[in-house]
Protein backbone atom coordinates (compact mmCIF):
# COMPACT_ATOMS: atom_id res chain seq x y z
CA MET A 1 0.00 0.00 0.00
CA GLU A 2 1.10 3.57 -0.69
CA LYS A 3 2.25 5.37 2.42
CA ARG A 4 1.11 8.94 2.89
CA VAL A 5 2.32 11.54 5.33
CA THR A 6 -0.49 13.37 7.11
CA PHE A 7 -0.24 16.57 9.12
CA ASN A 8 -2.59 17.22 11.98
CA GLU A 9 -1.88 20.94 11.86
CA ARG A 10 -3.05 22.74 8.72
CA TRP A 11 -0.17 25.25 8.62
CA LEU A 12 2.64 22.82 9.51
CA PRO A 13 3.52 21.88 5.87
CA TYR A 14 3.75 25.57 4.91
CA LEU A 15 5.86 26.28 7.98
CA LEU A 16 8.29 23.51 7.04
CA VAL A 17 8.81 24.77 3.47
CA ALA A 18 8.85 28.45 4.50
CA PRO A 19 12.66 28.69 5.04
CA GLN A 20 13.40 27.29 1.59
CA MET A 21 10.78 29.53 -0.01
CA ILE A 22 12.20 32.60 1.73
CA ILE A 23 15.72 31.76 0.56
CA THR A 24 14.49 31.22 -3.01
CA LEU A 25 12.56 34.48 -3.05
CA VAL A 26 15.34 36.57 -1.51
CA PHE A 27 18.33 35.10 -3.35
CA PHE A 28 16.80 34.16 -6.72
CA PHE A 29 13.49 35.78 -7.61
CA TRP A 30 14.24 39.19 -6.10
CA PRO A 31 17.68 39.58 -7.81
CA SER A 32 16.22 38.23 -11.05
CA GLY A 33 13.43 40.78 -10.93
CA GLN A 34 15.95 43.55 -10.21
CA ALA A 35 18.03 42.47 -13.21
CA VAL A 36 15.00 42.50 -15.51
CA TRP A 37 14.02 45.97 -14.28
CA GLN A 38 17.55 47.32 -14.67
CA SER A 39 17.87 45.83 -18.17
CA VAL A 40 15.22 48.22 -19.51
CA ARG A 41 16.90 51.28 -18.04
CA ILE A 42 20.02 53.34 -18.62
CA GLU A 43 21.85 54.50 -15.49
CA ASP A 44 25.03 56.38 -14.83
CA ALA A 45 27.88 54.69 -13.01
CA PHE A 46 26.76 55.99 -9.59
CA GLY A 47 23.04 55.34 -10.02
CA GLY A 48 22.20 59.05 -9.77
CA ASN A 49 20.40 59.38 -13.10
CA SER A 50 18.17 56.71 -14.57
CA LYS A 51 16.02 56.60 -17.70
CA PHE A 52 13.50 54.02 -18.88
CA VAL A 53 14.44 52.97 -22.43
CA TRP A 54 12.33 49.85 -23.05
CA PHE A 55 14.38 47.33 -25.10
CA GLU A 56 17.19 49.57 -26.31
CA ASN A 57 19.77 47.70 -24.21
CA PHE A 58 18.75 44.40 -25.80
CA ILE A 59 18.78 45.89 -29.32
CA ALA A 60 22.29 47.26 -28.76
CA LEU A 61 23.36 43.91 -27.33
CA PHE A 62 22.13 41.87 -30.30
CA ASN A 63 23.80 44.29 -32.71
CA ASP A 64 27.17 43.84 -31.00
CA PRO A 65 29.43 41.32 -32.82
CA ALA A 66 31.59 40.96 -29.69
CA TYR A 67 28.59 39.56 -27.82
CA PHE A 68 28.02 36.81 -30.38
CA ASP A 69 31.73 35.99 -30.25
CA SER A 70 31.31 35.55 -26.50
CA VAL A 71 28.28 33.29 -27.08
CA ARG A 72 30.32 31.12 -29.45
CA ILE A 73 33.21 30.88 -27.00
CA THR A 74 30.81 30.03 -24.16
CA LEU A 75 29.12 27.21 -26.08
CA VAL A 76 32.45 25.64 -27.08
CA PHE A 77 33.86 26.04 -23.58
CA SER A 78 30.76 24.63 -21.85
CA ALA A 79 30.49 21.64 -24.18
CA LEU A 80 34.15 20.71 -23.69
CA VAL A 81 34.10 21.21 -19.91
CA ALA A 82 30.98 19.05 -19.54
CA ALA A 83 32.07 16.32 -21.97
CA VAL A 84 35.70 16.02 -20.84
CA GLY A 85 34.80 16.37 -17.17
CA LEU A 86 32.12 13.67 -17.23
CA ALA A 87 34.22 11.25 -19.29
CA LEU A 88 37.30 11.65 -17.09
CA SER A 89 35.28 11.42 -13.87
CA LEU A 90 33.53 8.25 -15.03
CA LEU A 91 36.86 6.67 -15.97
CA LEU A 92 38.33 7.52 -12.55
CA ALA A 93 35.22 6.23 -10.77
CA VAL A 94 35.31 2.91 -12.64
CA MET A 95 38.98 2.47 -11.80
CA ALA A 96 38.48 3.46 -8.13
CA ASP A 97 35.52 1.08 -7.80
CA ARG A 98 37.81 -1.91 -8.34
CA ILE A 99 39.01 -3.77 -5.28
CA ILE A 100 42.71 -2.94 -5.14
CA ARG A 101 45.17 -2.19 -2.37
CA GLY A 102 45.08 1.46 -1.32
CA SER A 103 41.79 2.24 -3.09
CA SER A 104 40.60 4.33 -0.12
CA PHE A 105 43.70 6.50 -0.40
CA TYR A 106 43.11 7.02 -4.14
CA LYS A 107 39.49 7.99 -3.52
CA THR A 108 40.53 10.52 -0.89
CA VAL A 109 43.12 12.10 -3.16
CA LEU A 110 40.62 12.37 -6.02
CA VAL A 111 38.23 14.32 -3.78
CA TRP A 112 40.77 16.98 -2.80
CA PRO A 113 40.49 19.23 -5.91
CA TYR A 114 36.86 20.04 -5.05
CA ALA A 115 38.07 21.79 -1.88
CA VAL A 116 40.06 24.27 -3.98
CA ALA A 117 38.27 27.54 -4.76
CA PRO A 118 37.89 28.34 -8.50
CA ALA A 119 40.05 31.47 -8.20
CA VAL A 120 42.82 29.45 -6.53
CA ALA A 121 42.53 26.80 -9.26
CA GLY A 122 42.92 29.52 -11.88
CA VAL A 123 46.04 30.91 -10.19
CA LEU A 124 47.48 27.40 -9.75
CA TRP A 125 47.08 26.33 -13.37
CA GLY A 126 48.08 29.75 -14.66
CA PHE A 127 51.34 29.44 -12.72
CA LEU A 128 51.96 25.88 -13.94
CA PHE A 129 51.53 26.98 -17.57
CA ASN A 130 53.20 30.36 -17.17
CA PRO A 131 55.36 30.86 -20.30
CA ALA A 132 58.26 32.26 -18.24
CA VAL A 133 58.44 30.15 -15.06
CA GLY A 134 55.76 27.46 -15.43
CA VAL A 135 56.91 23.87 -14.92
CA VAL A 136 54.44 22.45 -17.44
CA SER A 137 55.19 25.03 -20.14
CA TRP A 138 58.93 24.48 -19.61
CA SER A 139 58.45 20.71 -20.00
CA LEU A 140 56.37 21.21 -23.14
CA LYS A 141 59.04 23.47 -24.58
CA GLY A 142 61.54 20.67 -24.04
CA ILE A 143 59.62 18.45 -26.46
CA GLY A 144 59.17 21.21 -29.02
CA ILE A 145 55.76 22.62 -27.99
CA ASP A 146 55.70 26.37 -27.37
CA PHE A 147 52.81 26.90 -24.95
CA ASN A 148 52.08 30.58 -24.33
CA TYR A 149 48.50 31.20 -23.26
CA VAL A 150 49.20 34.91 -22.85
CA THR A 151 49.35 35.43 -26.62
CA ASN A 152 47.73 32.29 -28.07
CA ALA A 153 43.91 32.27 -27.87
CA ASN A 154 43.48 28.53 -28.43
CA GLN A 155 46.03 27.70 -25.74
CA ALA A 156 44.36 30.13 -23.33
CA LEU A 157 41.02 28.40 -23.94
CA ALA A 158 42.67 25.02 -23.41
CA LEU A 159 44.14 26.26 -20.12
CA ILE A 160 40.82 27.36 -18.61
CA ILE A 161 39.16 24.13 -19.81
CA ILE A 162 41.84 22.07 -18.05
CA ALA A 163 41.51 24.13 -14.87
CA ALA A 164 37.69 23.97 -14.92
CA VAL A 165 37.64 20.21 -15.50
CA TRP A 166 40.21 19.63 -12.74
CA ASN A 167 38.23 21.75 -10.29
CA GLN A 168 34.95 19.91 -11.00
CA VAL A 169 36.20 16.36 -11.49
CA SER A 170 35.96 15.49 -7.79
CA TYR A 171 32.27 16.40 -7.61
CA ASN A 172 31.49 14.24 -10.64
CA PHE A 173 33.69 11.44 -9.33
CA LEU A 174 31.80 11.22 -6.02
CA PHE A 175 28.43 10.84 -7.72
CA PHE A 176 29.68 8.34 -10.29
CA LEU A 177 31.38 6.27 -7.60
CA ALA A 178 28.20 6.24 -5.49
CA GLY A 179 26.22 5.20 -8.57
CA LEU A 180 28.62 2.38 -9.37
CA GLN A 181 28.53 1.07 -5.82
CA SER A 182 24.72 1.00 -5.88
CA ILE A 183 24.60 -1.35 -8.90
CA PRO A 184 23.93 -4.94 -7.78
CA LYS A 185 27.07 -7.01 -8.28
CA SER A 186 24.90 -10.01 -9.13
CA LEU A 187 23.92 -8.42 -12.46
CA ILE A 188 27.54 -7.95 -13.48
CA GLU A 189 28.50 -11.43 -12.31
CA ALA A 190 25.60 -12.96 -14.25
CA ALA A 191 26.73 -11.17 -17.42
CA ALA A 192 30.31 -12.37 -16.86
CA ILE A 193 29.07 -15.95 -16.49
CA ASP A 194 27.16 -15.55 -19.79
CA GLY A 195 30.46 -14.64 -21.45
CA ALA A 196 30.11 -10.85 -21.74
CA ARG A 197 33.46 -9.12 -21.83
CA PRO A 198 34.21 -6.15 -19.52
CA TRP A 199 33.64 -3.57 -22.26
CA ARG A 200 30.28 -5.10 -23.21
CA ARG A 201 29.23 -5.37 -19.55
CA PHE A 202 29.97 -1.71 -19.09
CA TRP A 203 27.95 -0.45 -22.08
CA THR A 204 25.00 -2.84 -21.75
CA ILE A 205 24.60 -3.00 -17.95
CA ILE A 206 26.65 -0.50 -15.97
CA PHE A 207 26.30 2.63 -18.09
CA PRO A 208 22.50 2.33 -18.61
CA LEU A 209 22.05 1.92 -14.85
CA LEU A 210 24.18 5.04 -14.35
CA SER A 211 21.99 7.12 -16.68
CA PRO A 212 20.12 8.96 -13.87
CA THR A 213 23.44 9.98 -12.30
CA THR A 214 24.88 10.93 -15.69
CA PHE A 215 21.86 13.07 -16.56
CA PHE A 216 21.99 14.85 -13.21
CA LEU A 217 25.71 15.56 -13.60
CA LEU A 218 25.21 16.75 -17.18
CA VAL A 219 22.78 19.44 -16.01
CA ILE A 220 25.03 20.42 -13.09
CA ASN A 221 28.14 20.63 -15.28
CA ILE A 222 26.46 22.80 -17.90
CA ILE A 223 25.36 25.22 -15.19
CA TYR A 224 28.85 25.07 -13.65
CA ALA A 225 30.48 25.87 -16.99
CA PHE A 226 28.21 28.87 -17.50
CA PHE A 227 28.48 30.35 -13.99
CA GLY A 228 30.94 28.53 -11.72
CA THR A 229 34.04 29.07 -13.85
CA PHE A 230 34.13 32.85 -13.49
CA GLY A 231 36.81 32.72 -10.79
CA ILE A 232 39.04 30.49 -12.91
CA ILE A 233 38.84 32.76 -15.95
CA ASP A 234 39.31 35.95 -13.96
CA ALA A 235 42.37 34.59 -12.16
CA ALA A 236 44.00 32.81 -15.11
CA THR A 237 43.38 34.87 -18.25
CA GLU A 238 41.08 37.80 -17.36
CA GLY A 239 39.21 37.05 -20.58
CA GLY A 240 42.35 37.38 -22.72
CA PRO A 241 44.22 37.37 -24.92
CA GLY A 242 42.00 40.09 -26.29
CA LYS A 243 38.51 38.78 -25.51
CA GLU A 244 39.09 35.21 -26.69
CA THR A 245 38.30 33.60 -23.33
CA ALA A 246 35.61 36.08 -22.25
CA VAL A 247 32.66 33.75 -21.74
CA LEU A 248 29.23 35.27 -21.17
CA VAL A 249 29.47 35.48 -17.38
CA TYR A 250 32.87 37.18 -17.56
CA LYS A 251 31.74 39.62 -20.28
CA LEU A 252 28.75 40.48 -18.10
CA TYR A 253 31.07 41.24 -15.18
CA PHE A 254 33.52 43.22 -17.31
CA ASP A 255 30.86 45.39 -18.95
CA GLY A 256 29.04 46.02 -15.68
CA PHE A 257 31.85 46.54 -13.17
CA LYS A 258 34.73 47.76 -15.35
CA ALA A 259 33.05 49.42 -18.35
CA LEU A 260 30.22 50.60 -16.02
CA ASP A 261 27.51 49.80 -18.56
CA LEU A 262 24.91 48.87 -15.94
CA GLY A 263 21.91 48.59 -18.24
CA GLY A 264 23.80 46.63 -20.88
CA SER A 265 25.23 44.19 -18.33
CA ALA A 266 21.78 43.70 -16.82
CA ALA A 267 20.45 42.86 -20.28
CA GLN A 268 23.28 40.35 -20.66
CA SER A 269 22.34 38.74 -17.34
CA VAL A 270 18.72 38.36 -18.47
CA VAL A 271 19.79 36.77 -21.76
CA LEU A 272 22.25 34.49 -19.95
CA MET A 273 19.55 33.38 -17.54
CA ALA A 274 17.21 32.66 -20.48
CA ILE A 275 19.93 30.64 -22.26
CA VAL A 276 20.64 28.48 -19.21
CA ILE A 277 16.93 27.91 -18.54
CA GLY A 278 16.43 26.99 -22.20
CA LEU A 279 19.32 24.52 -22.19
CA THR A 280 18.01 22.94 -18.98
CA VAL A 281 14.51 22.58 -20.45
CA ILE A 282 15.94 20.99 -23.60
CA GLN A 283 17.93 18.53 -21.52
CA PHE A 284 14.89 17.54 -19.47
CA ARG A 285 12.70 17.37 -22.59
CA PHE A 286 14.91 15.34 -24.92
CA ILE A 287 17.72 13.74 -22.93
CA GLU A 288 15.78 12.65 -19.87
CA SER A 289 13.61 10.41 -22.09
CA LYS A 290 16.65 8.18 -22.54
CA VAL A 291 17.24 7.88 -18.78
CA ASN A 292 16.39 4.55 -17.14
CA TYR A 293 15.12 5.05 -13.60
């Protein structure tokens, strides 16, 4: 029989959800409403003068070629961060799930990067690949590869992708490892008895059973790539060289806090929010149908 929770007091359910509702209203809906209101206004840098201009900020934004360059960079960056991060995390989780000596130590070490703040991760990887004193760039130069992310746009993009994946890999690893450990070993053993090789067991049994975890992490990693990587980019490249690593969230910050275009940056925040919501809806609409719960 289906179990139902009943409340004797009429207002108790509302009281229990009230803290979460207050947090959502104060830290999400209120700032979102403020951004929408500011996006249809032009203000000076100190907020002294303000003028209602309807959609002029959005018109100027969509007529700016630099904005569409930032959109392109963001889509490429987000796709690579999500794809590489999930693939690497799944590989590490599969290897850590095996019964080997010292596996607990390996699992602990793999969790450490998640404790590092994004800005610290950006400084760390920027120092390692520094063209003058970086250990990694010096090693690459020894084998004939000149890595200079300060002047090379593709190498700068590669640097922030590596730093972003490294910073997020622990989070993905924990969820994949928990998902692997929840799969009944009897299913895998039965497939092995039937003659299925490890690679076939993984794709026909393990990976389909991990689909809920994979879908959840896909959504989280897309959101992380759009918003959570700001500290890495600001610390490592500051959007350079030129504007070749200025993803949407960094361009929004630069235009609002450095160029002091408050209305234009607010319009960018509204568009960015709409893009992320749209991507999330698409994922739930088309990708979730392939998830086996």
